[in-house]
Amino acid sequence: MDRKELEETAALAHLNINGEELTAALPAFEQMLGFFALMQGADAEVPVPAAGIASGQAAGSALVNSGHFRGDAAPAGQIPVSRDDLLKNAGDRDGAFIVIPNVL
């Protein structure tokens, strides 16, 4: 990307960038374009084992059954925490639910 292309791109994006800022930003934009080119050439296909897909089964569910996700069980040697113990240690509750404050 040359300086003229960057000026045109900044104008199209309605960015108010002066000449000094454009000169300073040019190497970063060239680096971003290089990263985009690498990502475009990357293999984005996710292999799904054909044996894991039964007739009428959704393709995504084959990933669940193929070991890509952990099961809903405590790791070996660890004692699972009961719901009551978790709720007992929660700061603010609403019945059987933990109240989490809004962060926005």
N, C-alpha and C. Protein backbone atom coordinates (compact mmCIF):
# COMPACT_ATOMS: atom_id res chain seq x y z
N MET A 1 0.86 -1.17 0.00
CA MET A 1 0.00 0.00 0.00
C MET A 1 0.90 1.23 0.00
N ASP A 2 0.62 2.14 -0.89
CA ASP A 2 1.40 3.38 -0.89
C ASP A 2 0.61 4.48 -0.18
N ARG A 3 1.25 5.62 -0.04
CA ARG A 3 0.65 6.73 0.72
C ARG A 3 -0.65 7.21 0.07
N LYS A 4 -0.69 7.26 -1.26
CA LYS A 4 -1.89 7.74 -1.96
C LYS A 4 -3.07 6.81 -1.69
N GLU A 5 -2.84 5.49 -1.73
CA GLU A 5 -3.91 4.52 -1.44
C GLU A 5 -4.40 4.67 0.00
N LEU A 6 -3.46 4.91 0.91
CA LEU A 6 -3.85 5.09 2.32
C LEU A 6 -4.68 6.36 2.49
N GLU A 7 -4.31 7.43 1.80
CA GLU A 7 -5.09 8.67 1.86
C GLU A 7 -6.51 8.45 1.34
N GLU A 8 -6.62 7.72 0.21
CA GLU A 8 -7.94 7.44 -0.36
C GLU A 8 -8.77 6.56 0.56
N THR A 9 -8.14 5.55 1.15
CA THR A 9 -8.84 4.66 2.07
C THR A 9 -9.32 5.42 3.30
N ALA A 10 -8.46 6.28 3.84
CA ALA A 10 -8.83 7.08 5.01
C ALA A 10 -10.00 8.01 4.67
N ALA A 11 -9.98 8.58 3.47
CA ALA A 11 -11.08 9.47 3.06
C ALA A 11 -12.38 8.69 2.92
N LEU A 12 -12.32 7.49 2.33
CA LEU A 12 -13.52 6.66 2.17
C LEU A 12 -14.09 6.23 3.53
N ALA A 13 -13.19 6.02 4.51
CA ALA A 13 -13.62 5.60 5.84
C ALA A 13 -13.98 6.80 6.73
N HIS A 14 -13.93 8.00 6.14
CA HIS A 14 -14.24 9.23 6.87
C HIS A 14 -13.34 9.40 8.10
N LEU A 15 -12.04 9.05 7.93
CA LEU A 15 -11.07 9.23 9.00
C LEU A 15 -10.39 10.57 8.82
N ASN A 16 -10.32 11.33 9.86
CA ASN A 16 -9.68 12.64 9.83
C ASN A 16 -8.22 12.47 10.26
N ILE A 17 -7.37 12.09 9.31
CA ILE A 17 -5.96 11.82 9.60
C ILE A 17 -5.12 12.81 8.81
N ASN A 18 -4.22 13.54 9.50
CA ASN A 18 -3.36 14.48 8.79
C ASN A 18 -2.17 13.76 8.17
N GLY A 19 -1.37 14.48 7.41
CA GLY A 19 -0.24 13.89 6.68
C GLY A 19 0.78 13.23 7.57
N GLU A 20 1.07 13.83 8.70
CA GLU A 20 2.05 13.27 9.63
C GLU A 20 1.55 11.93 10.21
N GLU A 21 0.27 11.89 10.55
CA GLU A 21 -0.32 10.65 11.09
C GLU A 21 -0.37 9.56 10.02
N LEU A 22 -0.62 9.96 8.76
CA LEU A 22 -0.63 8.98 7.67
C LEU A 22 0.74 8.35 7.50
N THR A 23 1.77 9.17 7.54
CA THR A 23 3.13 8.66 7.39
C THR A 23 3.47 7.70 8.52
N ALA A 24 3.06 8.02 9.73
CA ALA A 24 3.34 7.16 10.89
C ALA A 24 2.52 5.87 10.83
N ALA A 25 1.31 5.93 10.25
CA ALA A 25 0.42 4.77 10.23
C ALA A 25 0.69 3.83 9.06
N LEU A 26 1.38 4.29 8.04
CA LEU A 26 1.58 3.48 6.83
C LEU A 26 2.22 2.12 7.11
N PRO A 27 3.30 2.02 7.92
CA PRO A 27 3.86 0.68 8.19
C PRO A 27 2.87 -0.26 8.88
N ALA A 28 2.05 0.27 9.78
CA ALA A 28 1.08 -0.58 10.48
C ALA A 28 0.02 -1.09 9.51
N PHE A 29 -0.43 -0.24 8.58
CA PHE A 29 -1.42 -0.67 7.59
C PHE A 29 -0.82 -1.73 6.66
N GLU A 30 0.45 -1.56 6.27
CA GLU A 30 1.10 -2.56 5.43
C GLU A 30 1.21 -3.89 6.17
N GLN A 31 1.50 -3.83 7.46
CA GLN A 31 1.59 -5.06 8.26
C GLN A 31 0.22 -5.74 8.36
N MET A 32 -0.84 -4.95 8.56
CA MET A 32 -2.20 -5.52 8.62
C MET A 32 -2.56 -6.19 7.31
N LEU A 33 -2.23 -5.56 6.18
CA LEU A 33 -2.52 -6.15 4.88
C LEU A 33 -1.77 -7.47 4.71
N GLY A 34 -0.54 -7.52 5.21
CA GLY A 34 0.21 -8.79 5.18
C GLY A 34 -0.47 -9.88 5.99
N PHE A 35 -0.98 -9.51 7.17
CA PHE A 35 -1.70 -10.48 8.00
C PHE A 35 -2.98 -10.96 7.31
N PHE A 36 -3.70 -10.02 6.67
CA PHE A 36 -4.92 -10.40 5.96
C PHE A 36 -4.60 -11.36 4.82
N ALA A 37 -3.49 -11.13 4.12
CA ALA A 37 -3.09 -12.03 3.03
C ALA A 37 -2.77 -13.42 3.56
N LEU A 38 -2.11 -13.49 4.72
CA LEU A 38 -1.82 -14.79 5.34
C LEU A 38 -3.10 -15.51 5.73
N MET A 39 -4.05 -14.77 6.32
CA MET A 39 -5.30 -15.40 6.75
C MET A 39 -6.10 -15.88 5.54
N GLN A 40 -6.05 -15.12 4.45
CA GLN A 40 -6.80 -15.50 3.26
C GLN A 40 -6.25 -16.80 2.67
N GLY A 41 -4.95 -17.02 2.81
CA GLY A 41 -4.35 -18.23 2.28
C GLY A 41 -4.42 -19.41 3.22
N ALA A 42 -4.88 -19.20 4.47
CA ALA A 42 -4.95 -20.28 5.45
C ALA A 42 -6.08 -21.24 5.12
N ASP A 43 -5.90 -22.48 5.51
CA ASP A 43 -6.93 -23.50 5.31
C ASP A 43 -8.00 -23.31 6.38
N ALA A 44 -9.20 -22.97 5.97
CA ALA A 44 -10.29 -22.70 6.90
C ALA A 44 -11.24 -23.88 7.03
N GLU A 45 -10.95 -24.98 6.39
CA GLU A 45 -11.82 -26.14 6.46
C GLU A 45 -11.63 -26.86 7.78
N VAL A 46 -12.70 -27.26 8.41
CA VAL A 46 -12.66 -28.03 9.65
C VAL A 46 -13.03 -29.46 9.29
N PRO A 47 -12.08 -30.39 9.46
CA PRO A 47 -12.41 -31.77 9.11
C PRO A 47 -13.43 -32.36 10.08
N VAL A 48 -14.43 -33.00 9.53
CA VAL A 48 -15.45 -33.67 10.34
C VAL A 48 -15.38 -35.15 9.98
N PRO A 49 -15.11 -36.00 10.95
CA PRO A 49 -15.01 -37.42 10.64
C PRO A 49 -16.34 -37.97 10.12
N ALA A 50 -16.31 -38.58 8.96
CA ALA A 50 -17.53 -39.09 8.34
C ALA A 50 -18.17 -40.19 9.18
N ALA A 51 -17.36 -40.94 9.90
CA ALA A 51 -17.90 -42.04 10.70
C ALA A 51 -18.75 -41.52 11.86
N GLY A 52 -18.52 -40.26 12.29
CA GLY A 52 -19.26 -39.73 13.43
C GLY A 52 -20.61 -39.17 13.06
N ILE A 53 -20.93 -39.11 11.78
CA ILE A 53 -22.20 -38.52 11.36
C ILE A 53 -23.17 -39.61 10.97
N ALA A 54 -24.21 -39.75 11.74
CA ALA A 54 -25.24 -40.73 11.43
C ALA A 54 -26.26 -40.09 10.50
N SER A 55 -27.07 -40.89 9.89
CA SER A 55 -28.09 -40.39 9.00
C SER A 55 -29.04 -39.46 9.75
N GLY A 56 -29.19 -38.23 9.25
CA GLY A 56 -30.08 -37.27 9.88
C GLY A 56 -29.46 -36.52 11.05
N GLN A 57 -28.20 -36.80 11.37
CA GLN A 57 -27.53 -36.15 12.49
C GLN A 57 -26.89 -34.85 11.98
N ALA A 58 -26.98 -33.79 12.76
CA ALA A 58 -26.37 -32.53 12.37
C ALA A 58 -24.85 -32.67 12.35
N ALA A 59 -24.20 -32.00 11.40
CA ALA A 59 -22.75 -32.10 11.26
C ALA A 59 -22.03 -31.60 12.51
N GLY A 60 -22.53 -30.57 13.16
CA GLY A 60 -21.90 -30.03 14.36
C GLY A 60 -21.91 -31.01 15.51
N SER A 61 -22.90 -31.87 15.56
CA SER A 61 -22.96 -32.82 16.67
C SER A 61 -21.89 -33.89 16.55
N ALA A 62 -21.33 -34.07 15.35
CA ALA A 62 -20.23 -35.02 15.20
C ALA A 62 -19.01 -34.54 15.97
N LEU A 63 -18.81 -33.22 16.05
CA LEU A 63 -17.69 -32.68 16.81
C LEU A 63 -17.86 -32.96 18.29
N VAL A 64 -19.07 -32.89 18.79
CA VAL A 64 -19.32 -33.15 20.20
C VAL A 64 -18.97 -34.59 20.53
N ASN A 65 -19.27 -35.51 19.64
CA ASN A 65 -19.03 -36.92 19.88
C ASN A 65 -17.61 -37.35 19.53
N SER A 66 -16.81 -36.47 18.93
CA SER A 66 -15.49 -36.88 18.47
C SER A 66 -14.38 -36.57 19.45
N GLY A 67 -14.69 -36.05 20.64
CA GLY A 67 -13.67 -35.79 21.63
C GLY A 67 -13.09 -34.39 21.56
N HIS A 68 -13.64 -33.52 20.72
CA HIS A 68 -13.14 -32.15 20.65
C HIS A 68 -13.60 -31.33 21.84
N PHE A 69 -14.65 -31.76 22.51
CA PHE A 69 -15.16 -31.06 23.66
C PHE A 69 -15.15 -32.01 24.85
N ARG A 70 -14.96 -31.45 26.03
CA ARG A 70 -14.92 -32.31 27.21
C ARG A 70 -16.33 -32.74 27.57
N GLY A 71 -16.40 -33.85 28.24
CA GLY A 71 -17.68 -34.33 28.72
C GLY A 71 -18.10 -33.53 29.94
N ASP A 72 -19.32 -33.66 30.37
CA ASP A 72 -19.81 -32.93 31.52
C ASP A 72 -19.55 -33.76 32.78
N ALA A 73 -18.28 -33.89 33.14
CA ALA A 73 -17.90 -34.67 34.31
C ALA A 73 -16.65 -34.04 34.91
N ALA A 74 -16.46 -34.24 36.22
CA ALA A 74 -15.27 -33.72 36.89
C ALA A 74 -14.05 -34.52 36.46
N PRO A 75 -12.88 -33.85 36.31
CA PRO A 75 -11.66 -34.58 35.98
C PRO A 75 -11.34 -35.61 37.06
N ALA A 76 -10.62 -36.65 36.66
CA ALA A 76 -10.28 -37.73 37.58
C ALA A 76 -9.49 -37.17 38.77
N GLY A 77 -9.85 -37.59 39.96
CA GLY A 77 -9.15 -37.17 41.16
C GLY A 77 -9.69 -35.90 41.78
N GLN A 78 -10.64 -35.24 41.13
CA GLN A 78 -11.22 -34.02 41.68
C GLN A 78 -12.65 -34.29 42.14
N ILE A 79 -13.00 -33.70 43.24
CA ILE A 79 -14.34 -33.87 43.78
C ILE A 79 -15.23 -32.81 43.15
N PRO A 80 -16.31 -33.20 42.50
CA PRO A 80 -17.19 -32.19 41.92
C PRO A 80 -17.87 -31.36 43.00
N VAL A 81 -18.07 -30.09 42.69
CA VAL A 81 -18.73 -29.18 43.63
C VAL A 81 -20.23 -29.32 43.45
N SER A 82 -20.93 -29.47 44.56
CA SER A 82 -22.39 -29.59 44.47
C SER A 82 -23.01 -28.22 44.24
N ARG A 83 -24.21 -28.22 43.72
CA ARG A 83 -24.92 -26.97 43.46
C ARG A 83 -25.14 -26.20 44.75
N ASP A 84 -25.46 -26.91 45.83
CA ASP A 84 -25.70 -26.25 47.11
C ASP A 84 -24.43 -25.57 47.63
N ASP A 85 -23.28 -26.25 47.49
CA ASP A 85 -22.01 -25.65 47.92
C ASP A 85 -21.69 -24.40 47.09
N LEU A 86 -21.95 -24.48 45.82
CA LEU A 86 -21.70 -23.33 44.94
C LEU A 86 -22.59 -22.16 45.34
N LEU A 87 -23.87 -22.42 45.54
CA LEU A 87 -24.80 -21.35 45.92
C LEU A 87 -24.48 -20.78 47.30
N LYS A 88 -24.00 -21.63 48.20
CA LYS A 88 -23.66 -21.18 49.54
C LYS A 88 -22.51 -20.16 49.48
N ASN A 89 -21.59 -20.34 48.53
CA ASN A 89 -20.43 -19.45 48.40
C ASN A 89 -20.67 -18.27 47.46
N ALA A 90 -21.82 -18.23 46.82
CA ALA A 90 -22.11 -17.13 45.90
C ALA A 90 -22.43 -15.87 46.69
N GLY A 91 -22.00 -14.73 46.14
CA GLY A 91 -22.25 -13.47 46.84
C GLY A 91 -23.71 -13.09 46.85
N ASP A 92 -24.31 -12.93 45.69
CA ASP A 92 -25.70 -12.50 45.60
C ASP A 92 -26.48 -13.57 44.86
N ARG A 93 -27.63 -13.97 45.40
CA ARG A 93 -28.41 -15.05 44.79
C ARG A 93 -29.86 -14.63 44.63
N ASP A 94 -30.51 -15.34 43.74
CA ASP A 94 -31.95 -15.21 43.55
C ASP A 94 -32.48 -16.63 43.44
N GLY A 95 -32.85 -17.21 44.56
CA GLY A 95 -33.28 -18.60 44.59
C GLY A 95 -32.12 -19.51 44.25
N ALA A 96 -32.29 -20.31 43.20
CA ALA A 96 -31.24 -21.24 42.80
C ALA A 96 -30.30 -20.64 41.76
N PHE A 97 -30.34 -19.30 41.59
CA PHE A 97 -29.53 -18.65 40.58
C PHE A 97 -28.53 -17.69 41.24
N ILE A 98 -27.36 -17.58 40.63
CA ILE A 98 -26.36 -16.62 41.08
C ILE A 98 -26.60 -15.32 40.32
N VAL A 99 -26.68 -14.22 41.03
CA VAL A 99 -26.90 -12.92 40.40
C VAL A 99 -25.54 -12.32 40.05
N ILE A 100 -25.37 -12.03 38.78
CA ILE A 100 -24.13 -11.43 38.28
C ILE A 100 -24.46 -9.99 37.88
N PRO A 101 -23.71 -9.01 38.41
CA PRO A 101 -24.03 -7.63 38.10
C PRO A 101 -23.81 -7.31 36.62
N ASN A 102 -24.59 -6.39 36.12
CA ASN A 102 -24.45 -5.94 34.74
C ASN A 102 -23.16 -5.16 34.61
N VAL A 103 -22.35 -5.47 33.62
CA VAL A 103 -21.06 -4.81 33.47
C VAL A 103 -21.10 -3.68 32.44
N LEU A 104 -22.20 -3.51 31.75
CA LEU A 104 -22.27 -2.45 30.76
C LEU A 104 -22.96 -1.23 31.29
